[in-house]
């Protein structure tokens, strides 16, 4: 799972999931809020709590965007 985070807002803004069969799904706050729902983050806890003990590595923004462009919209919370 790949995450775009905003540390100042303590939020996950977008996610990308890449499956073994090559499928790519994506989600974002914008997708979750498109029907008027309030979704400040794609995780329901703080970044510190959600990623505690997890090795997080940065990736180039253009690589994230290229994968995002290949993904299929897949809202989770308010589908």
C-alpha atoms as a PDB file:
ATOM      1  CA  UNK A   1       0.000   0.000   0.000  1.00  0.00           C
ATOM      2  CA  UNK A   2       1.295   3.444  -0.906  1.00  0.00           C
ATOM      3  CA  UNK A   3       0.210   6.552   0.978  1.00  0.00           C
ATOM      4  CA  UNK A   4       0.284  10.261   0.245  1.00  0.00           C
ATOM      5  CA  UNK A   5       0.348  11.998   3.607  1.00  0.00           C
ATOM      6  CA  UNK A   6       0.094  15.548   4.873  1.00  0.00           C
ATOM      7  CA  UNK A   7       1.980  15.731   8.158  1.00  0.00           C
ATOM      8  CA  UNK A   8       0.743  19.263   8.933  1.00  0.00           C
ATOM      9  CA  UNK A   9      -2.881  18.083   8.659  1.00  0.00           C
ATOM     10  CA  UNK A  10      -2.081  14.708  10.290  1.00  0.00           C
ATOM     11  CA  UNK A  11      -3.877  13.005   7.399  1.00  0.00           C
ATOM     12  CA  UNK A  12      -3.571  10.382   4.689  1.00  0.00           C
ATOM     13  CA  UNK A  13      -4.712  12.145   1.507  1.00  0.00           C
ATOM     14  CA  UNK A  14      -4.508   9.338  -1.059  1.00  0.00           C
ATOM     15  CA  UNK A  15      -3.749   5.618  -1.172  1.00  0.00           C
ATOM     16  CA  UNK A  16      -2.692   3.249  -3.928  1.00  0.00           C
ATOM     17  CA  UNK A  17      -2.842  -0.529  -3.623  1.00  0.00           C
ATOM     18  CA  UNK A  18      -1.006  -2.722  -6.133  1.00  0.00           C
ATOM     19  CA  UNK A  19      -2.095  -6.359  -6.348  1.00  0.00           C
ATOM     20  CA  UNK A  20      -0.060  -9.376  -7.461  1.00  0.00           C
ATOM     21  CA  UNK A  21      -2.231  -9.767 -10.581  1.00  0.00           C
ATOM     22  CA  UNK A  22      -1.306  -6.224 -11.667  1.00  0.00           C
ATOM     23  CA  UNK A  23      -4.537  -4.492 -10.649  1.00  0.00           C
ATOM     24  CA  UNK A  24      -4.127  -1.062  -9.086  1.00  0.00           C
ATOM     25  CA  UNK A  25      -6.796   0.541  -6.928  1.00  0.00           C
ATOM     26  CA  UNK A  26      -6.757   4.053  -5.567  1.00  0.00           C
ATOM     27  CA  UNK A  27      -8.631   6.101  -3.007  1.00  0.00           C
ATOM     28  CA  UNK A  28      -8.546   9.705  -1.876  1.00  0.00           C
ATOM     29  CA  UNK A  29     -10.233  12.114   0.472  1.00  0.00           C
ATOM     30  CA  UNK A  30     -11.831  13.725  -2.594  1.00  0.00           C
ATOM     31  CA  UNK A  31     -13.359  10.387  -3.662  1.00  0.00           C
ATOM     32  CA  UNK A  32     -14.687   9.743  -0.173  1.00  0.00           C
ATOM     33  CA  UNK A  33     -16.208  13.229   0.083  1.00  0.00           C
ATOM     34  CA  UNK A  34     -17.853  13.324  -3.361  1.00  0.00           C
ATOM     35  CA  UNK A  35     -21.326  12.574  -1.953  1.00  0.00           C
ATOM     36  CA  UNK A  36     -21.052  15.161   0.794  1.00  0.00           C
ATOM     37  CA  UNK A  37     -19.456  12.965   3.454  1.00  0.00           C
ATOM     38  CA  UNK A  38     -16.854  14.441   5.808  1.00  0.00           C
ATOM     39  CA  UNK A  39     -13.572  12.530   5.554  1.00  0.00           C
ATOM     40  CA  UNK A  40     -10.553  14.389   6.966  1.00  0.00           C
ATOM     41  CA  UNK A  41      -8.185  11.420   6.457  1.00  0.00           C
ATOM     42  CA  UNK A  42      -8.187   7.943   4.934  1.00  0.00           C
ATOM     43  CA  UNK A  43      -7.153   6.458   8.272  1.00  0.00           C
ATOM     44  CA  UNK A  44      -9.190   6.821  11.440  1.00  0.00           C
ATOM     45  CA  UNK A  45      -6.279   7.655  13.729  1.00  0.00           C
ATOM     46  CA  UNK A  46      -3.271   9.967  13.847  1.00  0.00           C
ATOM     47  CA  UNK A  47      -0.336   9.364  11.523  1.00  0.00           C
ATOM     48  CA  UNK A  48       1.877   8.590  14.528  1.00  0.00           C
ATOM     49  CA  UNK A  49      -0.568   5.989  15.787  1.00  0.00           C
ATOM     50  CA  UNK A  50      -1.324   4.519  12.355  1.00  0.00           C
ATOM     51  CA  UNK A  51       2.292   4.180  11.273  1.00  0.00           C
ATOM     52  CA  UNK A  52       3.878   3.416  14.664  1.00  0.00           C
ATOM     53  CA  UNK A  53       6.506   0.709  14.235  1.00  0.00           C
ATOM     54  CA  UNK A  54       6.147   0.679  10.447  1.00  0.00           C
ATOM     55  CA  UNK A  55       9.106   1.434   8.214  1.00  0.00           C
ATOM     56  CA  UNK A  56       7.996   4.321   6.004  1.00  0.00           C
ATOM     57  CA  UNK A  57       9.994   5.328   2.946  1.00  0.00           C
ATOM     58  CA  UNK A  58       9.486   8.330   0.695  1.00  0.00           C
ATOM     59  CA  UNK A  59       9.092   7.844  -3.040  1.00  0.00           C
ATOM     60  CA  UNK A  60       9.374  10.369  -5.860  1.00  0.00           C
ATOM     61  CA  UNK A  61       6.153  12.317  -6.421  1.00  0.00           C
ATOM     62  CA  UNK A  62       6.165  11.601 -10.170  1.00  0.00           C
ATOM     63  CA  UNK A  63       6.295   7.828  -9.514  1.00  0.00           C
ATOM     64  CA  UNK A  64       3.306   8.090  -7.168  1.00  0.00           C
ATOM     65  CA  UNK A  65       1.417  10.144  -9.785  1.00  0.00           C
ATOM     66  CA  UNK A  66       2.192   7.601 -12.537  1.00  0.00           C
ATOM     67  CA  UNK A  67       0.771   4.771 -10.426  1.00  0.00           C
ATOM     68  CA  UNK A  68      -2.199   6.946  -9.424  1.00  0.00           C
ATOM     69  CA  UNK A  69      -2.989   7.521 -13.119  1.00  0.00           C
ATOM     70  CA  UNK A  70      -3.122   3.736 -13.696  1.00  0.00           C
ATOM     71  CA  UNK A  71      -5.404   3.064 -10.721  1.00  0.00           C
ATOM     72  CA  UNK A  72      -9.138   2.476 -10.552  1.00  0.00           C
ATOM     73  CA  UNK A  73     -11.171   4.629  -8.157  1.00  0.00           C
ATOM     74  CA  UNK A  74     -12.076   2.464  -5.169  1.00  0.00           C
ATOM     75  CA  UNK A  75     -13.612   4.403  -2.272  1.00  0.00           C
ATOM     76  CA  UNK A  76     -13.732   2.378   0.946  1.00  0.00           C
ATOM     77  CA  UNK A  77     -15.415   4.380   3.700  1.00  0.00           C
ATOM     78  CA  UNK A  78     -18.424   5.818   1.868  1.00  0.00           C
ATOM     79  CA  UNK A  79     -18.691   3.541  -1.188  1.00  0.00           C
END
